[in-house]
Amino acid sequence: MKLLSHIPLWLKNKYLLAGCFFIVWMFFFDPKDWGVAFDKNAKLNELQKSEEHLSKTIKETKDELDQLKTNAQTIEKYAREKYLMKKDNEDLFIVSAPAVIK
């Protein structure tokens, strides 16, 4: 009985002990604890940024496709830049950057 007399009254309160146990359980041991929620929120933010980037890329590609369908000069520019095509009376010189030796 001497051992129990040294424990403060607020530590003997069963509701406080049950509440503290519940909070510790929910923060650390529950399958949906704070760490999982934080990781899911970070993944959601990353996916939203990716969605914005991809939407922007899709819009740019659609604009480029529309230009290719309607404008002959754009078709010629695209063929010259992407596929290195040339006219019959032209010479094509390809200049590339020198390789950097480490």
N, C-alpha and C. Protein backbone atom coordinates (compact mmCIF):
# COMPACT_ATOMS: atom_id res chain seq x y z
N MET A 1 0.80 -1.18 0.00
CA MET A 1 0.00 0.00 0.00
C MET A 1 0.85 1.26 0.00
N LYS A 2 2.08 1.16 0.52
CA LYS A 2 2.94 2.34 0.53
C LYS A 2 3.28 2.77 -0.90
N LEU A 3 3.41 1.81 -1.81
CA LEU A 3 3.76 2.11 -3.20
C LEU A 3 2.66 2.92 -3.87
N LEU A 4 1.41 2.58 -3.64
CA LEU A 4 0.30 3.29 -4.25
C LEU A 4 0.10 4.68 -3.65
N SER A 5 0.56 4.91 -2.46
CA SER A 5 0.36 6.21 -1.82
C SER A 5 1.30 7.27 -2.42
N HIS A 6 2.36 6.87 -3.10
CA HIS A 6 3.31 7.82 -3.70
C HIS A 6 2.89 8.26 -5.11
N ILE A 7 1.92 7.61 -5.72
CA ILE A 7 1.46 7.96 -7.06
C ILE A 7 0.48 9.12 -6.94
N PRO A 8 0.69 10.19 -7.74
CA PRO A 8 -0.24 11.33 -7.67
C PRO A 8 -1.65 10.91 -8.11
N LEU A 9 -2.64 11.67 -7.65
CA LEU A 9 -4.03 11.33 -7.93
C LEU A 9 -4.36 11.40 -9.41
N TRP A 10 -3.80 12.35 -10.14
CA TRP A 10 -4.14 12.49 -11.56
C TRP A 10 -3.64 11.30 -12.37
N LEU A 11 -2.62 10.56 -11.88
CA LEU A 11 -2.18 9.35 -12.56
C LEU A 11 -3.06 8.15 -12.22
N LYS A 12 -3.86 8.25 -11.18
CA LYS A 12 -4.76 7.17 -10.81
C LYS A 12 -6.10 7.29 -11.54
N ASN A 13 -6.34 8.40 -12.20
CA ASN A 13 -7.61 8.62 -12.88
C ASN A 13 -7.71 7.70 -14.10
N LYS A 14 -8.70 6.81 -14.09
CA LYS A 14 -8.83 5.83 -15.16
C LYS A 14 -9.23 6.46 -16.48
N TYR A 15 -9.96 7.56 -16.46
CA TYR A 15 -10.36 8.23 -17.70
C TYR A 15 -9.18 8.91 -18.37
N LEU A 16 -8.32 9.49 -17.58
CA LEU A 16 -7.10 10.11 -18.12
C LEU A 16 -6.18 9.05 -18.72
N LEU A 17 -6.03 7.95 -18.03
CA LEU A 17 -5.19 6.87 -18.54
C LEU A 17 -5.77 6.29 -19.83
N ALA A 18 -7.07 6.09 -19.88
CA ALA A 18 -7.70 5.56 -21.09
C ALA A 18 -7.57 6.56 -22.24
N GLY A 19 -7.75 7.84 -21.95
CA GLY A 19 -7.60 8.87 -22.99
C GLY A 19 -6.18 8.95 -23.53
N CYS A 20 -5.20 8.89 -22.63
CA CYS A 20 -3.79 8.91 -23.07
C CYS A 20 -3.46 7.67 -23.89
N PHE A 21 -3.95 6.51 -23.46
CA PHE A 21 -3.72 5.29 -24.23
C PHE A 21 -4.35 5.40 -25.61
N PHE A 22 -5.56 5.94 -25.70
CA PHE A 22 -6.25 6.10 -26.97
C PHE A 22 -5.47 7.04 -27.89
N ILE A 23 -4.99 8.15 -27.38
CA ILE A 23 -4.23 9.11 -28.19
C ILE A 23 -2.94 8.49 -28.70
N VAL A 24 -2.21 7.80 -27.84
CA VAL A 24 -0.97 7.14 -28.25
C VAL A 24 -1.26 6.09 -29.31
N TRP A 25 -2.32 5.32 -29.11
CA TRP A 25 -2.69 4.29 -30.09
C TRP A 25 -3.01 4.91 -31.45
N MET A 26 -3.79 5.98 -31.45
CA MET A 26 -4.21 6.60 -32.71
C MET A 26 -3.03 7.27 -33.43
N PHE A 27 -2.09 7.82 -32.69
CA PHE A 27 -0.95 8.50 -33.31
C PHE A 27 0.09 7.54 -33.88
N PHE A 28 0.28 6.40 -33.25
CA PHE A 28 1.42 5.55 -33.61
C PHE A 28 1.06 4.15 -34.10
N PHE A 29 0.02 3.53 -33.60
CA PHE A 29 -0.22 2.12 -33.89
C PHE A 29 -1.39 1.86 -34.82
N ASP A 30 -2.24 2.81 -35.04
CA ASP A 30 -3.40 2.63 -35.90
C ASP A 30 -2.96 2.52 -37.36
N PRO A 31 -3.64 1.73 -38.18
CA PRO A 31 -3.26 1.63 -39.61
C PRO A 31 -3.37 2.96 -40.35
N LYS A 32 -4.17 3.88 -39.86
CA LYS A 32 -4.32 5.19 -40.50
C LYS A 32 -3.70 6.27 -39.60
N ASP A 33 -2.48 6.06 -39.15
CA ASP A 33 -1.85 7.00 -38.23
C ASP A 33 -1.37 8.26 -38.95
N TRP A 34 -0.75 9.17 -38.23
CA TRP A 34 -0.33 10.46 -38.76
C TRP A 34 0.72 10.33 -39.85
N GLY A 35 1.61 9.39 -39.74
CA GLY A 35 2.64 9.20 -40.76
C GLY A 35 2.06 8.82 -42.10
N VAL A 36 1.09 7.93 -42.10
CA VAL A 36 0.43 7.50 -43.34
C VAL A 36 -0.34 8.67 -43.94
N ALA A 37 -1.04 9.42 -43.10
CA ALA A 37 -1.80 10.57 -43.59
C ALA A 37 -0.87 11.61 -44.20
N PHE A 38 0.27 11.86 -43.58
CA PHE A 38 1.23 12.82 -44.11
C PHE A 38 1.80 12.35 -45.45
N ASP A 39 2.13 11.07 -45.55
CA ASP A 39 2.66 10.53 -46.81
C ASP A 39 1.62 10.61 -47.93
N LYS A 40 0.37 10.31 -47.61
CA LYS A 40 -0.68 10.39 -48.63
C LYS A 40 -0.90 11.82 -49.08
N ASN A 41 -0.82 12.77 -48.17
CA ASN A 41 -0.99 14.17 -48.52
C ASN A 41 0.16 14.64 -49.42
N ALA A 42 1.38 14.23 -49.11
CA ALA A 42 2.53 14.58 -49.95
C ALA A 42 2.38 13.98 -51.35
N LYS A 43 1.94 12.73 -51.43
CA LYS A 43 1.73 12.08 -52.73
C LYS A 43 0.62 12.78 -53.52
N LEU A 44 -0.43 13.21 -52.84
CA LEU A 44 -1.52 13.94 -53.50
C LEU A 44 -1.01 15.25 -54.09
N ASN A 45 -0.21 15.99 -53.33
CA ASN A 45 0.36 17.24 -53.85
C ASN A 45 1.24 16.99 -55.06
N GLU A 46 2.04 15.94 -55.01
CA GLU A 46 2.91 15.59 -56.14
C GLU A 46 2.09 15.24 -57.38
N LEU A 47 1.02 14.47 -57.20
CA LEU A 47 0.17 14.09 -58.32
C LEU A 47 -0.58 15.29 -58.90
N GLN A 48 -0.98 16.23 -58.05
CA GLN A 48 -1.64 17.43 -58.55
C GLN A 48 -0.69 18.28 -59.39
N LYS A 49 0.56 18.41 -58.95
CA LYS A 49 1.55 19.15 -59.74
C LYS A 49 1.80 18.45 -61.07
N SER A 50 1.87 17.13 -61.04
CA SER A 50 2.07 16.36 -62.26
C SER A 50 0.88 16.54 -63.21
N GLU A 51 -0.32 16.57 -62.65
CA GLU A 51 -1.52 16.76 -63.47
C GLU A 51 -1.51 18.13 -64.14
N GLU A 52 -1.11 19.16 -63.41
CA GLU A 52 -1.03 20.50 -63.99
C GLU A 52 -0.01 20.54 -65.13
N HIS A 53 1.14 19.91 -64.90
CA HIS A 53 2.19 19.89 -65.92
C HIS A 53 1.71 19.15 -67.17
N LEU A 54 1.09 18.00 -66.97
CA LEU A 54 0.62 17.22 -68.11
C LEU A 54 -0.51 17.92 -68.85
N SER A 55 -1.38 18.61 -68.14
CA SER A 55 -2.45 19.37 -68.79
C SER A 55 -1.87 20.48 -69.66
N LYS A 56 -0.85 21.13 -69.15
CA LYS A 56 -0.17 22.19 -69.91
C LYS A 56 0.49 21.60 -71.16
N THR A 57 1.14 20.46 -71.01
CA THR A 57 1.80 19.81 -72.14
C THR A 57 0.78 19.38 -73.19
N ILE A 58 -0.35 18.85 -72.75
CA ILE A 58 -1.40 18.43 -73.68
C ILE A 58 -1.93 19.64 -74.44
N LYS A 59 -2.15 20.74 -73.76
CA LYS A 59 -2.65 21.95 -74.42
C LYS A 59 -1.65 22.44 -75.48
N GLU A 60 -0.37 22.46 -75.12
CA GLU A 60 0.66 22.90 -76.08
C GLU A 60 0.71 21.96 -77.29
N THR A 61 0.59 20.67 -77.06
CA THR A 61 0.63 19.69 -78.15
C THR A 61 -0.59 19.85 -79.06
N LYS A 62 -1.76 20.09 -78.45
CA LYS A 62 -2.96 20.30 -79.27
C LYS A 62 -2.83 21.56 -80.12
N ASP A 63 -2.25 22.63 -79.54
CA ASP A 63 -2.04 23.85 -80.32
C ASP A 63 -1.08 23.61 -81.48
N GLU A 64 -0.02 22.86 -81.20
CA GLU A 64 0.96 22.54 -82.25
C GLU A 64 0.31 21.68 -83.34
N LEU A 65 -0.50 20.72 -82.95
CA LEU A 65 -1.19 19.87 -83.93
C LEU A 65 -2.15 20.69 -84.78
N ASP A 66 -2.85 21.62 -84.17
CA ASP A 66 -3.75 22.49 -84.92
C ASP A 66 -2.98 23.32 -85.93
N GLN A 67 -1.81 23.83 -85.53
CA GLN A 67 -0.97 24.59 -86.46
C GLN A 67 -0.48 23.70 -87.60
N LEU A 68 -0.12 22.47 -87.28
CA LEU A 68 0.35 21.56 -88.32
C LEU A 68 -0.76 21.20 -89.31
N LYS A 69 -1.98 21.13 -88.85
CA LYS A 69 -3.09 20.80 -89.73
C LYS A 69 -3.49 21.95 -90.64
N THR A 70 -3.23 23.19 -90.22
CA THR A 70 -3.75 24.33 -90.97
C THR A 70 -2.69 25.16 -91.68
N ASN A 71 -1.44 25.12 -91.27
CA ASN A 71 -0.45 26.04 -91.79
C ASN A 71 0.68 25.27 -92.48
N ALA A 72 0.91 25.54 -93.77
CA ALA A 72 1.95 24.85 -94.53
C ALA A 72 3.35 25.24 -94.06
N GLN A 73 3.53 26.48 -93.67
CA GLN A 73 4.85 26.92 -93.19
C GLN A 73 5.22 26.21 -91.90
N THR A 74 4.26 25.94 -91.07
CA THR A 74 4.53 25.23 -89.83
C THR A 74 4.93 23.78 -90.12
N ILE A 75 4.29 23.18 -91.11
CA ILE A 75 4.65 21.82 -91.50
C ILE A 75 6.09 21.77 -91.98
N GLU A 76 6.47 22.73 -92.80
CA GLU A 76 7.84 22.78 -93.32
C GLU A 76 8.85 23.00 -92.19
N LYS A 77 8.54 23.91 -91.29
CA LYS A 77 9.43 24.18 -90.15
C LYS A 77 9.59 22.92 -89.30
N TYR A 78 8.49 22.23 -89.03
CA TYR A 78 8.52 21.03 -88.21
C TYR A 78 9.36 19.94 -88.87
N ALA A 79 9.18 19.76 -90.18
CA ALA A 79 9.94 18.73 -90.90
C ALA A 79 11.42 19.06 -90.90
N ARG A 80 11.78 20.32 -91.05
CA ARG A 80 13.19 20.71 -91.05
C ARG A 80 13.83 20.51 -89.68
N GLU A 81 13.12 20.88 -88.63
CA GLU A 81 13.70 20.81 -87.28
C GLU A 81 13.73 19.39 -86.73
N LYS A 82 12.65 18.68 -86.87
CA LYS A 82 12.55 17.36 -86.23
C LYS A 82 13.16 16.24 -87.06
N TYR A 83 13.00 16.29 -88.38
CA TYR A 83 13.42 15.19 -89.23
C TYR A 83 14.58 15.54 -90.14
N LEU A 84 15.14 16.74 -89.99
CA LEU A 84 16.30 17.21 -90.76
C LEU A 84 16.08 17.08 -92.26
N MET A 85 14.87 17.39 -92.72
CA MET A 85 14.56 17.34 -94.14
C MET A 85 15.03 18.63 -94.80
N LYS A 86 15.26 18.55 -96.10
CA LYS A 86 15.72 19.72 -96.84
C LYS A 86 15.11 19.70 -98.24
N LYS A 87 15.21 20.84 -98.88
CA LYS A 87 14.75 20.94 -100.26
C LYS A 87 15.84 20.37 -101.17
N ASP A 88 15.49 20.12 -102.45
CA ASP A 88 16.44 19.50 -103.38
C ASP A 88 17.65 20.39 -103.65
N ASN A 89 17.49 21.67 -103.69
CA ASN A 89 18.60 22.56 -104.04
C ASN A 89 19.32 23.12 -102.80
N GLU A 90 19.17 22.51 -101.66
CA GLU A 90 19.82 23.00 -100.44
C GLU A 90 20.84 21.99 -99.95
N ASP A 91 21.82 22.51 -99.22
CA ASP A 91 22.77 21.66 -98.51
C ASP A 91 22.45 21.77 -97.03
N LEU A 92 22.60 20.68 -96.33
CA LEU A 92 22.27 20.64 -94.92
C LEU A 92 23.54 20.40 -94.12
N PHE A 93 23.84 21.32 -93.21
CA PHE A 93 25.00 21.18 -92.34
C PHE A 93 24.50 21.03 -90.91
N ILE A 94 24.89 19.94 -90.28
CA ILE A 94 24.49 19.68 -88.90
C ILE A 94 25.67 19.98 -87.99
N VAL A 95 25.47 20.95 -87.12
CA VAL A 95 26.52 21.36 -86.19
C VAL A 95 26.08 20.93 -84.81
N SER A 96 26.91 20.14 -84.17
CA SER A 96 26.59 19.71 -82.82
C SER A 96 27.64 20.25 -81.87
N ALA A 97 27.26 20.33 -80.61
CA ALA A 97 28.17 20.83 -79.60
C ALA A 97 29.30 19.80 -79.38
N PRO A 98 30.52 20.28 -79.11
CA PRO A 98 31.60 19.33 -78.87
C PRO A 98 31.37 18.55 -77.59
N ALA A 99 31.84 17.32 -77.59
CA ALA A 99 31.70 16.47 -76.41
C ALA A 99 32.63 16.97 -75.31
N VAL A 100 32.13 17.02 -74.12
CA VAL A 100 32.91 17.46 -72.97
C VAL A 100 33.60 16.26 -72.35
N ILE A 101 34.91 16.33 -72.24
CA ILE A 101 35.69 15.24 -71.67
C ILE A 101 35.90 15.55 -70.18
N LYS A 102 35.57 14.57 -69.37
CA LYS A 102 35.71 14.77 -67.92
C LYS A 102 36.96 14.12 -67.41
